[in-house]
Amino acid sequence: MSTASLNVRFEEITRGIAGILPVERIPLDSPYEISNETYAALRSVLHDVGGQPALPEPYKEKGEEAWEMNTYVTCECLAWGGAWNAEIRRRAENDLGATLYFGLPYYARWITVAAKTLIDKGLITPDELSSKIDEVRARMKEKS
């Protein structure tokens, strides 16, 4: 295929994708022609919030709740059993995207990515997870 044909094909693909992109963006031609603000934005990764402006929510000191400690222990047991490690968890948290990453409490992110990782690795099925969630909900309802 000639270079001209490849360029035309690339443009066709680009136009086709443009309608289904999740967000509008400005393509960057060269890293040498970007502003300092753009460079700072590109350097900032979702989980690296150090030095960035604080969220409007004030920090509140609190103790861990039972579900948070249970989540921590569950995730540690998964690591001991070889199902995942801290790097897999951190990467999976980053992959949640900004809305879930900043919208979920700390340990809710842990348990969310634990469930996703177990399903992705084929260690449990979505049906098994759903069944276990229903079982725990019923048990919790009996207690209250």
Protein backbone atom coordinates (compact mmCIF):
# COMPACT_ATOMS: atom_id res chain seq x y z
CA MET A 1 0.00 0.00 0.00
CA SER A 2 1.36 3.45 -0.88
CA THR A 3 1.98 6.18 1.67
CA ALA A 4 -0.87 8.24 0.18
CA SER A 5 -3.25 5.28 0.53
CA LEU A 6 -2.16 4.71 4.11
CA ASN A 7 -2.72 8.39 4.92
CA VAL A 8 -6.22 8.27 3.41
CA ARG A 9 -7.02 5.10 5.34
CA PHE A 10 -5.69 6.65 8.56
CA GLU A 11 -7.90 9.71 8.04
CA GLU A 12 -10.95 7.47 7.46
CA ILE A 13 -10.27 5.56 10.67
CA THR A 14 -9.69 8.80 12.58
CA ARG A 15 -13.01 10.26 11.39
CA GLY A 16 -14.80 7.03 12.30
CA ILE A 17 -13.35 7.00 15.79
CA ALA A 18 -13.99 10.72 16.39
CA GLY A 19 -17.72 10.15 16.85
CA ILE A 20 -17.30 7.58 19.61
CA LEU A 21 -14.46 9.13 21.61
CA PRO A 22 -15.38 9.61 25.28
CA VAL A 23 -14.11 13.20 25.40
CA GLU A 24 -13.03 15.91 23.02
CA ARG A 25 -9.33 16.50 22.90
CA ILE A 26 -6.79 18.57 21.05
CA PRO A 27 -4.23 16.33 19.32
CA LEU A 28 -0.64 17.27 20.11
CA ASP A 29 1.80 17.30 17.21
CA SER A 30 5.03 17.72 19.09
CA PRO A 31 6.11 17.70 22.71
CA TYR A 32 8.29 20.71 21.89
CA GLU A 33 5.29 22.87 21.05
CA ILE A 34 3.14 22.42 24.13
CA SER A 35 2.59 25.01 26.82
CA ASN A 36 3.83 24.65 30.37
CA GLU A 37 0.21 24.21 31.50
CA THR A 38 -0.33 21.35 29.03
CA TYR A 39 2.95 19.76 30.09
CA ALA A 40 1.90 19.95 33.75
CA ALA A 41 -1.46 18.36 32.90
CA LEU A 42 0.21 15.54 30.96
CA ARG A 43 2.59 14.85 33.85
CA SER A 44 -0.20 14.60 36.39
CA VAL A 45 -1.44 11.07 36.71
CA LEU A 46 -4.68 10.25 38.43
CA HIS A 47 -3.26 8.71 41.58
CA ASP A 48 -0.42 11.21 42.03
CA VAL A 49 -2.25 14.03 43.80
CA GLY A 50 0.67 15.28 45.87
CA GLY A 51 1.24 19.00 45.41
CA GLN A 52 -2.01 19.47 43.50
CA PRO A 53 -4.80 21.70 44.78
CA ALA A 54 -6.84 20.04 47.50
CA LEU A 55 -10.37 18.88 46.86
CA PRO A 56 -13.03 21.11 48.40
CA GLU A 57 -13.91 18.39 50.93
CA PRO A 58 -12.23 19.09 54.29
CA TYR A 59 -10.13 16.34 55.84
CA LYS A 60 -11.92 14.58 58.68
CA GLU A 61 -10.09 12.40 61.16
CA LYS A 62 -11.98 9.16 61.68
CA GLY A 63 -11.43 5.64 62.82
CA GLU A 64 -11.73 2.67 60.50
CA GLU A 65 -15.17 1.09 60.27
CA ALA A 66 -15.61 -2.68 60.41
CA TRP A 67 -16.20 -3.00 56.65
CA GLU A 68 -12.99 -1.07 56.00
CA MET A 69 -10.93 -3.37 58.21
CA ASN A 70 -12.63 -6.41 56.65
CA THR A 71 -11.75 -5.07 53.20
CA TYR A 72 -8.13 -4.52 54.22
CA VAL A 73 -7.83 -8.04 55.67
CA THR A 74 -9.55 -9.59 52.63
CA CYS A 75 -7.19 -7.81 50.26
CA GLU A 76 -4.15 -8.83 52.32
CA CYS A 77 -5.33 -12.46 52.22
CA LEU A 78 -5.71 -12.21 48.44
CA ALA A 79 -2.12 -11.00 48.26
CA TRP A 80 -0.85 -13.78 50.53
CA GLY A 81 -2.69 -16.28 48.35
CA GLY A 82 -1.05 -14.89 45.22
CA ALA A 83 -4.23 -13.53 43.60
CA TRP A 84 -2.73 -10.05 43.38
CA ASN A 85 -0.23 -7.66 44.90
CA ALA A 86 -0.06 -3.98 45.79
CA GLU A 87 1.09 -2.97 42.31
CA ILE A 88 -1.86 -4.76 40.67
CA ARG A 89 -4.20 -3.05 43.12
CA ARG A 90 -2.72 0.40 42.50
CA ARG A 91 -2.85 -0.05 38.74
CA ALA A 92 -6.45 -1.27 38.91
CA GLU A 93 -7.37 1.74 41.06
CA ASN A 94 -5.82 4.09 38.50
CA ASP A 95 -7.81 2.35 35.78
CA LEU A 96 -11.09 3.16 37.56
CA GLY A 97 -10.96 6.63 36.05
CA ALA A 98 -11.28 9.96 37.83
CA THR A 99 -15.00 9.74 38.62
CA LEU A 100 -14.77 6.45 40.53
CA TYR A 101 -11.26 7.08 41.87
CA PHE A 102 -12.26 10.34 43.54
CA GLY A 103 -15.90 9.34 44.13
CA LEU A 104 -15.33 6.15 46.11
CA PRO A 105 -13.96 6.05 49.64
CA TYR A 106 -10.44 4.64 49.99
CA TYR A 107 -11.37 1.07 50.94
CA ALA A 108 -14.33 1.03 48.56
CA ARG A 109 -11.76 1.47 45.76
CA TRP A 110 -9.82 -1.48 47.19
CA ILE A 111 -12.81 -3.83 47.29
CA THR A 112 -14.05 -2.67 43.87
CA VAL A 113 -10.74 -3.44 42.20
CA ALA A 114 -10.38 -6.68 44.16
CA ALA A 115 -13.67 -7.92 42.74
CA LYS A 116 -12.73 -6.77 39.23
CA THR A 117 -9.30 -8.39 39.46
CA LEU A 118 -10.72 -11.71 40.66
CA ILE A 119 -13.22 -11.74 37.80
CA ASP A 120 -10.61 -10.65 35.22
CA LYS A 121 -8.28 -13.46 36.36
CA GLY A 122 -11.11 -16.00 36.18
CA LEU A 123 -10.84 -16.81 39.89
CA ILE A 124 -14.54 -16.08 40.35
CA THR A 125 -17.43 -15.46 37.98
CA PRO A 126 -19.74 -12.44 38.07
CA ASP A 127 -22.58 -14.81 39.05
CA GLU A 128 -20.58 -16.18 41.99
CA LEU A 129 -19.78 -12.65 43.14
CA SER A 130 -23.40 -11.55 42.81
CA SER A 131 -24.59 -14.62 44.71
CA LYS A 132 -22.13 -13.97 47.55
CA ILE A 133 -23.16 -10.29 47.73
CA ASP A 134 -26.83 -11.35 48.01
CA GLU A 135 -25.91 -13.85 50.73
CA VAL A 136 -24.03 -11.22 52.76
CA ARG A 137 -26.84 -8.67 52.32
CA ALA A 138 -29.37 -11.20 53.61
CA ARG A 139 -27.14 -12.02 56.58
CA MET A 140 -26.68 -8.32 57.37
CA LYS A 141 -30.44 -7.72 57.09
CA GLU A 142 -31.09 -10.50 59.63
CA LYS A 143 -28.72 -8.83 62.09
CA SER A 144 -30.50 -5.48 61.92
